[in-house]
Protein backbone atom coordinates (compact mmCIF):
# COMPACT_ATOMS: atom_id res chain seq x y z
CA MET A 1 0.00 0.00 0.00
CA LYS A 2 1.27 3.46 -0.89
CA ALA A 3 0.57 6.64 1.07
CA ASP A 4 1.90 10.16 1.53
CA LEU A 5 2.58 9.55 5.20
CA VAL A 6 2.30 6.74 7.72
CA VAL A 7 2.11 6.85 11.51
CA ARG A 8 3.84 3.60 12.34
CA GLY A 9 3.87 1.20 15.26
CA GLY A 10 1.53 2.86 17.75
CA ASP A 11 -1.55 1.71 19.62
CA VAL A 12 -4.30 3.38 17.60
CA VAL A 13 -7.33 4.37 19.68
CA LEU A 14 -10.43 3.66 17.61
CA GLU A 15 -14.07 3.85 18.64
CA GLY A 16 -14.45 0.88 20.98
CA ALA A 17 -10.89 -0.48 20.88
CA ALA A 18 -7.17 0.25 20.73
CA VAL A 19 -5.19 -1.75 18.16
CA ARG A 20 -1.52 -1.98 17.27
CA ALA A 21 -1.54 -0.75 13.68
CA ASP A 22 -0.22 1.79 11.20
CA VAL A 23 -2.28 4.76 10.03
CA ALA A 24 -1.88 5.58 6.34
CA VAL A 25 -2.53 9.16 5.21
CA THR A 26 -2.90 10.56 1.70
CA GLY A 27 -4.11 14.03 0.76
CA GLY A 28 -4.57 14.95 4.42
CA VAL A 29 -7.09 12.15 4.97
CA VAL A 30 -6.82 8.77 6.70
CA THR A 31 -6.87 6.10 3.99
CA ALA A 32 -6.26 2.96 6.05
CA ILE A 33 -5.66 1.57 9.52
CA THR A 34 -3.64 -1.50 8.75
CA ARG A 35 -1.09 -4.09 9.81
CA GLU A 36 0.02 -4.46 6.20
CA PRO A 37 3.23 -2.73 5.03
CA VAL A 38 2.75 0.90 3.98
CA ASP A 39 5.15 2.55 1.53
CA ALA A 40 5.20 6.25 2.42
CA ALA A 41 7.56 9.15 1.83
CA THR A 42 7.11 10.37 5.40
CA VAL A 43 7.17 8.06 8.42
CA VAL A 44 6.13 9.18 11.90
CA ASP A 45 7.36 6.68 14.48
CA ALA A 46 4.77 6.00 17.19
CA THR A 47 6.51 3.04 18.84
CA GLY A 48 5.57 2.87 22.51
CA CYS A 49 2.93 5.56 22.10
CA LEU A 50 -0.80 5.89 21.70
CA VAL A 51 -2.25 7.35 18.52
CA LEU A 52 -5.28 9.48 19.39
CA PRO A 53 -7.73 11.55 17.36
CA GLY A 54 -6.91 15.24 17.46
CA GLY A 55 -8.72 17.00 20.26
CA VAL A 56 -11.84 19.09 19.70
CA ASP A 57 -12.11 21.90 22.26
CA ALA A 58 -15.59 23.31 21.73
CA HIS A 59 -15.15 26.40 23.92
CA VAL A 60 -12.41 29.01 23.50
CA HIS A 61 -12.19 32.81 23.28
CA LEU A 62 -9.59 33.83 20.70
CA SER A 63 -11.30 36.67 18.83
CA GLY A 64 -11.60 39.22 21.64
CA GLY A 65 -14.54 40.23 23.75
CA GLY A 66 -16.34 42.49 21.30
CA GLY A 67 -15.75 45.62 23.37
CA PRO A 68 -14.74 49.07 22.08
CA GLU A 69 -11.45 49.50 20.24
CA GLY A 70 -8.54 49.47 22.69
CA ALA A 71 -10.50 47.94 25.58
CA PRO A 72 -8.62 45.38 27.71
CA THR A 73 -9.04 41.88 26.37
CA TRP A 74 -7.54 38.44 26.72
CA ALA A 75 -3.85 37.68 26.24
CA ASP A 76 -4.15 35.17 23.40
CA ASP A 77 -5.13 35.75 19.80
CA TRP A 78 -5.59 33.23 17.00
CA GLU A 79 -1.87 32.65 16.54
CA SER A 80 -0.78 32.22 20.16
CA GLY A 81 -3.98 30.47 21.21
CA THR A 82 -3.88 27.90 18.44
CA ARG A 83 -0.16 27.32 19.02
CA ALA A 84 -1.16 26.36 22.56
CA ALA A 85 -3.94 24.16 21.19
CA ALA A 86 -1.57 22.32 18.85
CA ALA A 87 1.01 21.83 21.61
CA GLY A 88 -1.69 20.23 23.75
CA GLY A 89 -2.95 17.87 21.04
CA VAL A 90 -6.04 19.93 20.16
CA THR A 91 -6.57 20.26 16.40
CA THR A 92 -10.04 21.87 16.31
CA VAL A 93 -11.34 24.73 18.46
CA GLY A 94 -14.83 26.21 18.83
CA ASN A 95 -14.65 29.97 19.29
CA MET A 96 -17.21 32.13 21.08
CA THR A 97 -17.56 34.89 18.49
CA VAL A 98 -18.79 38.17 19.99
CA PRO A 99 -20.12 40.75 17.50
CA ARG A 100 -18.62 44.21 17.66
CA GLU A 101 -20.88 47.19 18.23
CA GLY A 102 -23.35 47.44 15.35
CA GLU A 103 -22.28 44.11 13.87
CA SER A 104 -24.72 41.29 13.06
CA LEU A 105 -24.08 37.64 13.89
CA THR A 106 -23.39 36.88 10.24
CA ASP A 107 -20.98 39.80 9.81
CA ALA A 108 -19.13 38.69 12.95
CA VAL A 109 -18.73 35.20 11.49
CA ARG A 110 -17.40 36.61 8.21
CA ARG A 111 -14.92 38.90 10.02
CA VAL A 112 -13.62 36.22 12.34
CA GLY A 113 -13.53 33.65 9.54
CA ALA A 114 -11.08 35.91 7.70
CA ASP A 115 -8.94 36.16 10.84
CA VAL A 116 -8.93 32.37 11.14
CA ALA A 117 -7.70 31.98 7.56
CA ALA A 118 -4.87 34.45 8.19
CA GLN A 119 -3.76 33.49 11.70
CA SER A 120 -4.92 30.09 12.97
CA LEU A 121 -2.70 27.00 13.10
CA VAL A 122 -5.62 24.59 13.61
CA ASP A 123 -9.16 24.22 12.32
CA VAL A 124 -12.03 26.23 13.77
CA LEU A 125 -15.78 26.29 14.22
CA LEU A 126 -17.64 29.37 15.45
CA HIS A 127 -20.43 29.96 17.97
CA PRO A 128 -21.80 33.48 17.25
CA VAL A 129 -22.84 35.15 20.51
CA VAL A 130 -26.36 36.57 20.83
CA ALA A 131 -25.25 39.64 22.76
CA GLY A 132 -28.49 41.64 22.69
CA GLU A 133 -31.97 42.01 21.25
CA GLN A 134 -30.46 43.39 18.04
CA HIS A 135 -29.24 39.84 17.28
CA LEU A 136 -32.62 38.13 17.62
CA ASP A 137 -33.62 38.27 13.94
CA PRO A 138 -34.31 34.65 12.89
CA ALA A 139 -33.48 35.51 9.26
CA GLN A 140 -29.81 35.38 10.31
CA LEU A 141 -30.06 31.64 10.95
CA ALA A 142 -30.37 30.69 7.28
CA VAL A 143 -27.33 32.80 6.46
CA LEU A 144 -25.34 31.25 9.31
CA ARG A 145 -26.18 27.83 7.88
CA GLU A 146 -24.90 28.96 4.48
CA LEU A 147 -21.70 30.07 6.22
CA GLY A 148 -21.41 26.59 7.72
CA GLN A 149 -21.89 27.62 11.37
CA THR A 150 -24.77 25.85 13.11
CA SER A 151 -24.66 26.83 16.77
CA ILE A 152 -25.35 30.00 18.74
CA LYS A 153 -24.19 31.17 22.17
CA VAL A 154 -26.43 32.72 24.83
CA PHE A 155 -25.48 34.18 28.22
CA THR A 156 -28.21 34.10 30.88
CA VAL A 157 -26.26 36.67 32.94
CA ILE A 158 -26.53 39.62 30.54
CA ASP A 159 -29.12 42.37 30.96
CA ALA A 160 -30.61 41.76 27.52
CA TYR A 161 -31.46 38.16 28.41
CA SER A 162 -33.23 39.21 31.61
CA ALA A 163 -35.13 41.97 29.81
CA HIS A 164 -36.10 40.00 26.69
CA ARG A 165 -36.18 36.37 27.79
CA GLN A 166 -39.30 35.50 25.81
CA ARG A 167 -37.71 36.81 22.61
CA PHE A 168 -34.54 34.87 23.37
CA TYR A 169 -36.66 31.74 23.85
CA ALA A 170 -38.34 32.30 20.49
CA PHE A 171 -34.98 32.73 18.76
CA MET A 172 -33.49 29.66 20.47
CA ALA A 173 -36.54 27.57 19.57
CA GLU A 174 -36.32 28.59 15.92
CA ALA A 175 -32.61 27.80 15.94
CA GLY A 176 -33.42 24.34 17.27
CA ARG A 177 -36.03 23.79 14.58
CA GLN A 178 -33.37 24.61 11.98
CA GLY A 179 -30.90 22.11 13.45
CA PHE A 180 -28.76 24.47 15.52
CA LEU A 181 -27.44 23.68 18.97
CA THR A 182 -27.81 26.52 21.48
CA VAL A 183 -24.79 26.86 23.77
CA VAL A 184 -25.66 28.49 27.10
CA HIS A 185 -23.73 30.09 29.97
CA CYS A 186 -26.00 29.30 32.92
CA GLU A 187 -25.98 31.56 35.97
CA ASP A 188 -28.94 33.46 37.41
CA ALA A 189 -28.16 37.18 37.09
CA GLU A 190 -30.65 38.34 39.71
CA LEU A 191 -29.43 35.86 42.31
CA ILE A 192 -25.83 36.88 41.65
CA GLY A 193 -26.83 40.55 41.94
CA TRP A 194 -28.56 39.98 45.25
CA SER A 195 -25.70 37.86 46.63
CA THR A 196 -23.13 40.48 45.63
CA ALA A 197 -25.12 43.32 47.23
CA HIS A 198 -25.70 41.28 50.39
CA LEU A 199 -21.97 40.58 50.72
CA ALA A 200 -21.17 44.28 50.17
CA GLU A 201 -23.50 45.19 53.05
CA GLN A 202 -21.28 42.99 55.22
CA GLY A 203 -18.14 44.74 53.99
CA ARG A 204 -17.16 41.75 51.86
CA ALA A 205 -16.60 42.89 48.29
CA ASP A 206 -13.15 41.54 47.45
CA PHE A 207 -12.15 38.45 45.47
CA ARG A 208 -12.22 36.22 48.55
CA ALA A 209 -16.02 36.53 48.49
CA TYR A 210 -16.19 35.63 44.79
CA GLY A 211 -17.48 32.09 45.32
CA GLU A 212 -20.28 33.30 47.58
CA SER A 213 -21.21 36.04 45.12
CA ARG A 214 -21.87 33.42 42.42
CA PRO A 215 -23.22 30.46 44.43
CA ASP A 216 -23.97 27.02 43.05
CA THR A 217 -27.66 27.80 43.55
CA ALA A 218 -27.32 30.54 40.90
CA GLU A 219 -26.01 27.97 38.43
CA GLU A 220 -28.65 25.45 39.45
CA ALA A 221 -31.46 28.00 39.04
CA ALA A 222 -30.37 29.02 35.54
CA VAL A 223 -29.90 25.39 34.50
CA ALA A 224 -33.35 24.48 35.82
CA GLN A 225 -34.93 27.30 33.85
CA LEU A 226 -33.06 26.30 30.69
CA ILE A 227 -34.17 22.69 31.14
CA ALA A 228 -37.79 23.83 31.52
CA PHE A 229 -37.49 25.71 28.23
CA ALA A 230 -35.84 22.76 26.45
CA GLU A 231 -38.43 20.31 27.79
CA THR A 232 -41.33 22.56 26.79
CA SER A 233 -40.03 23.42 23.33
CA GLY A 234 -37.95 20.37 22.40
CA THR A 235 -34.98 22.66 21.73
CA PRO A 236 -31.55 21.01 22.13
CA VAL A 237 -29.29 22.94 24.52
CA TYR A 238 -25.68 22.60 25.64
CA VAL A 239 -24.65 23.87 29.08
CA VAL A 240 -21.11 25.24 29.06
CA HIS A 241 -18.56 25.04 31.92
CA LEU A 242 -20.93 23.36 34.38
CA SER A 243 -19.30 23.52 37.81
CA SER A 244 -21.57 22.10 40.50
CA ALA A 245 -23.08 18.83 41.66
CA ARG A 246 -26.49 20.49 42.00
CA ALA A 247 -26.60 21.66 38.38
CA LEU A 248 -25.26 18.33 37.13
CA ALA A 249 -27.96 16.43 39.01
CA ALA A 250 -30.62 18.61 37.39
CA CYS A 251 -29.20 17.90 33.92
CA ALA A 252 -28.94 14.17 34.56
CA ALA A 253 -32.53 13.99 35.79
CA ALA A 254 -33.73 15.94 32.76
CA ARG A 255 -31.89 13.70 30.35
CA SER A 256 -33.42 10.64 31.97
CA ARG A 257 -36.78 12.14 30.96
CA GLY A 258 -35.59 12.57 27.37
CA VAL A 259 -34.83 16.30 27.51
CA PRO A 260 -32.14 17.17 24.92
CA VAL A 261 -29.65 18.78 27.31
CA TYR A 262 -25.90 18.26 26.95
CA VAL A 263 -23.19 19.08 29.49
CA GLU A 264 -19.69 20.49 29.22
CA THR A 265 -17.34 20.93 32.15
CA ARG A 266 -14.00 22.64 32.39
CA PRO A 267 -10.57 21.67 33.75
CA LEU A 268 -10.70 24.27 36.55
CA TYR A 269 -13.61 22.41 38.13
CA LEU A 270 -11.92 19.00 37.87
CA HIS A 271 -8.52 19.90 39.34
CA LEU A 272 -8.94 22.85 41.73
CA THR A 273 -11.20 23.75 44.67
CA GLU A 274 -12.57 26.92 46.23
CA GLU A 275 -9.96 27.20 49.01
CA LEU A 276 -7.52 28.63 46.47
CA LEU A 277 -9.65 31.78 46.24
CA GLN A 278 -8.64 32.64 49.81
CA ALA A 279 -4.92 32.84 48.96
CA GLU A 280 -3.19 36.21 48.64
CA ASP A 281 -3.02 35.69 44.87
CA GLY A 282 -6.39 33.95 44.72
CA ALA A 283 -7.61 36.29 41.98
CA LYS A 284 -5.47 34.38 39.47
CA TYR A 285 -7.91 31.45 39.74
CA ILE A 286 -11.00 33.50 38.93
CA GLY A 287 -13.32 32.05 36.32
CA GLN A 288 -17.06 32.06 35.72
CA PRO A 289 -18.54 30.17 37.52
CA PRO A 290 -16.10 30.13 40.46
CA LEU A 291 -14.19 27.18 41.87
CA ARG A 292 -16.38 24.86 43.93
CA ARG A 293 -16.10 22.37 46.80
CA ALA A 294 -14.30 19.02 46.72
CA ALA A 295 -17.71 17.30 46.65
CA ASP A 296 -18.52 19.11 43.40
CA VAL A 297 -15.20 17.98 41.92
CA ASP A 298 -16.03 14.38 42.84
CA ALA A 299 -19.50 14.67 41.29
CA LEU A 300 -18.06 15.99 38.03
CA TRP A 301 -15.53 13.15 37.83
CA ALA A 302 -18.40 10.71 38.34
CA GLY A 303 -20.23 12.49 35.53
CA LEU A 304 -17.23 12.04 33.25
CA ARG A 305 -17.07 8.35 34.09
CA PHE A 306 -20.76 7.53 33.78
CA GLY A 307 -21.74 9.78 30.89
CA THR A 308 -23.76 12.59 32.46
CA VAL A 309 -20.98 14.96 31.36
CA ASP A 310 -20.53 14.91 27.59
CA THR A 311 -17.44 17.03 26.94
CA VAL A 312 -14.45 18.66 28.58
CA ALA A 313 -13.62 22.08 27.10
CA THR A 314 -11.37 24.85 28.32
CA ASP A 315 -13.18 28.20 28.09
CA HIS A 316 -9.63 29.36 27.27
CA ALA A 317 -9.68 33.14 27.86
CA PRO A 318 -6.44 34.05 29.62
CA TRP A 319 -4.99 37.24 30.98
CA THR A 320 -1.36 37.66 31.92
CA LEU A 321 -0.76 37.24 35.63
CA ALA A 322 0.09 40.94 35.93
CA GLU A 323 -3.20 41.87 34.22
CA LYS A 324 -5.13 39.40 36.33
CA LEU A 325 -3.81 40.71 39.64
CA ALA A 326 -3.67 44.40 38.65
CA ALA A 327 -7.35 44.57 37.75
CA GLY A 328 -8.27 45.29 41.37
CA ASP A 329 -9.49 42.93 44.04
CA GLN A 330 -13.13 44.05 44.20
CA LEU A 331 -15.84 41.78 42.83
CA ASP A 332 -16.72 44.21 40.05
CA GLU A 333 -13.08 44.59 38.97
CA LEU A 334 -12.01 40.96 38.57
CA ARG A 335 -10.92 39.50 35.23
CA PRO A 336 -12.26 35.97 34.79
CA GLY A 337 -10.46 33.55 32.49
CA VAL A 338 -7.36 31.34 32.45
CA ALA A 339 -5.12 29.51 29.96
CA ASP A 340 -5.96 25.83 29.53
CA LEU A 341 -5.54 24.78 25.89
CA GLU A 342 -2.08 23.28 26.28
CA THR A 343 -2.88 21.37 29.47
CA VAL A 344 -6.51 20.23 29.08
CA ARG A 345 -5.75 16.83 27.55
CA PRO A 346 -2.53 16.04 29.46
CA MET A 347 -4.10 16.86 32.83
CA LEU A 348 -7.27 14.87 32.10
CA PHE A 349 -5.16 11.91 30.97
CA SER A 350 -2.87 12.10 33.99
CA ALA A 351 -5.56 12.69 36.62
CA GLY A 352 -8.19 10.54 34.91
CA VAL A 353 -6.89 7.71 32.75
CA LEU A 354 -3.73 6.92 34.72
CA THR A 355 -5.61 6.89 38.03
CA GLY A 356 -8.46 4.73 36.71
CA ARG A 357 -11.09 7.43 37.19
CA ILE A 358 -11.99 7.25 33.48
CA SER A 359 -11.09 4.85 30.70
CA LEU A 360 -8.91 5.71 27.72
CA ALA A 361 -11.97 5.34 25.48
CA ARG A 362 -13.91 7.78 27.65
CA PHE A 363 -11.00 10.25 27.53
CA VAL A 364 -11.18 10.24 23.72
CA GLU A 365 -14.97 10.61 23.75
CA LEU A 366 -14.86 13.59 26.11
CA THR A 367 -12.07 15.46 24.34
CA ALA A 368 -12.66 14.55 20.68
CA THR A 369 -15.55 12.34 19.56
CA ASN A 370 -18.43 13.80 21.56
CA PRO A 371 -17.76 17.47 20.75
CA ALA A 372 -17.25 16.54 17.09
CA ARG A 373 -20.66 14.82 17.06
CA LEU A 374 -22.45 17.59 18.91
CA PHE A 375 -21.08 20.38 16.72
CA GLY A 376 -21.53 18.83 13.30
CA VAL A 377 -17.96 17.92 12.31
CA TYR A 378 -18.07 14.15 12.92
CA PRO A 379 -16.79 11.91 11.31
CA ARG A 380 -14.47 14.39 9.62
CA LYS A 381 -13.15 15.19 13.09
CA GLY A 382 -13.06 13.40 16.43
CA VAL A 383 -12.26 9.89 15.21
CA ILE A 384 -9.56 7.92 13.43
CA ALA A 385 -11.25 6.19 10.49
CA PRO A 386 -10.83 5.91 6.73
CA GLY A 387 -12.10 9.14 5.17
CA SER A 388 -11.61 11.22 8.31
CA ASP A 389 -9.20 14.13 8.40
CA ALA A 390 -5.76 12.96 9.49
CA ASP A 391 -5.88 14.87 12.77
CA LEU A 392 -3.64 12.54 14.75
CA VAL A 393 -1.78 12.82 18.04
CA VAL A 394 1.17 10.58 18.89
CA TRP A 395 0.76 10.53 22.65
CA ASP A 396 3.56 9.47 24.96
CA PRO A 397 1.76 8.00 27.99
CA ALA A 398 4.95 7.89 30.06
CA GLU A 399 6.35 11.38 29.52
CA THR A 400 6.25 13.37 32.75
CA ARG A 401 6.53 17.15 32.98
CA VAL A 402 5.98 19.75 35.67
CA VAL A 403 3.49 22.37 34.47
CA ASP A 404 5.20 25.73 33.97
CA GLY A 405 3.02 28.32 32.27
CA SER A 406 5.98 30.61 31.66
CA ARG A 407 7.36 28.06 29.18
CA MET A 408 4.10 27.34 27.37
CA GLN A 409 2.69 28.74 24.15
CA SER A 410 -0.04 30.94 25.66
CA ARG A 411 0.88 34.57 26.23
CA ALA A 412 -0.64 34.34 29.71
CA GLY A 413 2.80 33.43 31.04
CA TYR A 414 1.37 31.39 33.91
CA SER A 415 -0.92 28.42 34.45
CA PRO A 416 -3.35 27.88 37.33
CA TYR A 417 -1.72 24.43 37.59
CA ASP A 418 1.90 25.63 37.83
CA GLY A 419 3.97 23.05 39.73
CA THR A 420 1.62 20.14 39.02
CA VAL A 421 3.32 16.92 37.92
CA VAL A 422 1.56 15.60 34.81
CA THR A 423 2.21 12.33 32.96
CA GLY A 424 1.13 11.85 29.34
CA TRP A 425 1.86 14.49 26.67
CA PRO A 426 1.68 14.85 22.89
CA ARG A 427 4.92 14.12 21.05
CA GLU A 428 3.78 14.60 17.46
CA VAL A 429 0.57 16.23 16.27
CA LEU A 430 -0.81 16.16 12.73
CA SER A 431 -3.58 18.39 11.42
CA ARG A 432 -5.04 17.23 8.11
CA GLY A 433 -1.90 15.16 7.59
CA GLU A 434 0.52 18.04 8.19
CA LEU A 435 2.95 17.82 11.07
CA VAL A 436 2.22 20.79 13.34
CA VAL A 437 4.06 19.51 16.43
CA SER A 438 7.26 17.46 16.23
CA GLY A 439 9.18 16.23 19.26
CA GLY A 440 6.87 18.31 21.44
CA ALA A 441 7.74 21.55 19.61
CA VAL A 442 5.29 23.53 17.46
CA VAL A 443 6.63 23.53 13.88
CA ALA A 444 3.68 24.93 11.89
CA GLY A 445 3.04 28.57 11.14
CA PRO A 446 -0.12 30.67 11.25
CA GLY A 447 -2.64 30.73 8.43
CA ARG A 448 -2.98 27.00 7.79
CA GLY A 449 -6.17 26.58 9.85
CA GLN A 450 -9.55 26.31 8.15
CA LEU A 451 -13.01 27.54 9.14
CA LEU A 452 -14.97 24.29 9.09
CA GLN A 453 -18.22 23.91 7.18
CA ARG A 454 -20.47 22.05 9.58
CA GLY A 455 -23.53 19.92 9.34
CA LEU A 456 -26.63 20.37 11.48
CA THR A 457 -25.46 20.07 15.02
CA ALA A 458 -28.51 19.31 17.10
CA PRO A 459 -28.67 15.53 17.69
CA ARG A 460 -32.00 14.10 16.63
């Protein structure tokens, strides 16, 4: 058999099994998984390693926050952020695409799509953000489908959602009817507002009160309301960065009734707990929602194991440490968001697969196959199979490193996991058959990533 490239001698992780085989690649596509000899110009040696599908991180922020020109925004852009993704074995990212002032959802997708083509190292799908009532025109949905983007993002914490919830419901329901998946940040704005004011009355308005200002009951309340909408309307919904046992239990109960609700969690909530917020530099761990209790961490790991959590995604939206700590320590001054793209898969493998908390097959489902299915890029992405893109990760399960954010690809310059010993890292990474990481070093340049044309994303 002839091929352009072969990944030779690894344990290839397929759906349902891992087999010792070679992966043949021609024209950027997997052509065979075989034990027969492959004659190829390029050989990637995977002896002693796993061969995994490239990761699909469905939740990143690499196109800025949509604020006015010159406003503070996150440290990473398409180039640095997707370098971090590639280094961590992630070959597809899903970007939360916030329209600029006066910009429609469709214009935002066109603008960011051009940035992807010029700057990204890996492939991309977009979730246009419904940032206000001006974005609730259902005529945009048909155009978004033509542009190949079939999901939308909604925040329950913004003023527009509280003021126009019925109109948001109508837009989300129409999106569902057209095969879109609605991605939702679930926290109850009014409960957060009351909690924050109540804490201020007690003289507690700094970052150490952050967890109490955004309690798990606020997440649970917003999730319950979203579930009620999904159950009433039949609209598929996807809860991002779920952090608490209470909210997870509500989602699991709803799904047992047949409600189309899907759950994402985030590395912060699997590896860290709320005590860190009390440290002198506790503001560096701030995310939305906040860190939770150890019992919540345990519940989320159980959800990963037993299938009530569908995906692990990063919500990668980092600031530099100086920016994070200089923002001020009051609740209304904090800058949520951390760097996670380079560590999401290694830390989940080390803390999950190697400890027996989750299986290797489940690891691949959570970080590749499930998000590819949910967001309309499977089987092109998320799986190693003939006809799929050759997004392949040669994974060394024995390589051990100490996390050091100052040496990573993100411009954040720090990691919330600095000092953590992690075993299992990518050695080589291929994106559409092109070597983007070799020997652990990023070797590809910007502008090779593609904006993916997706199918209908809502599972039927």
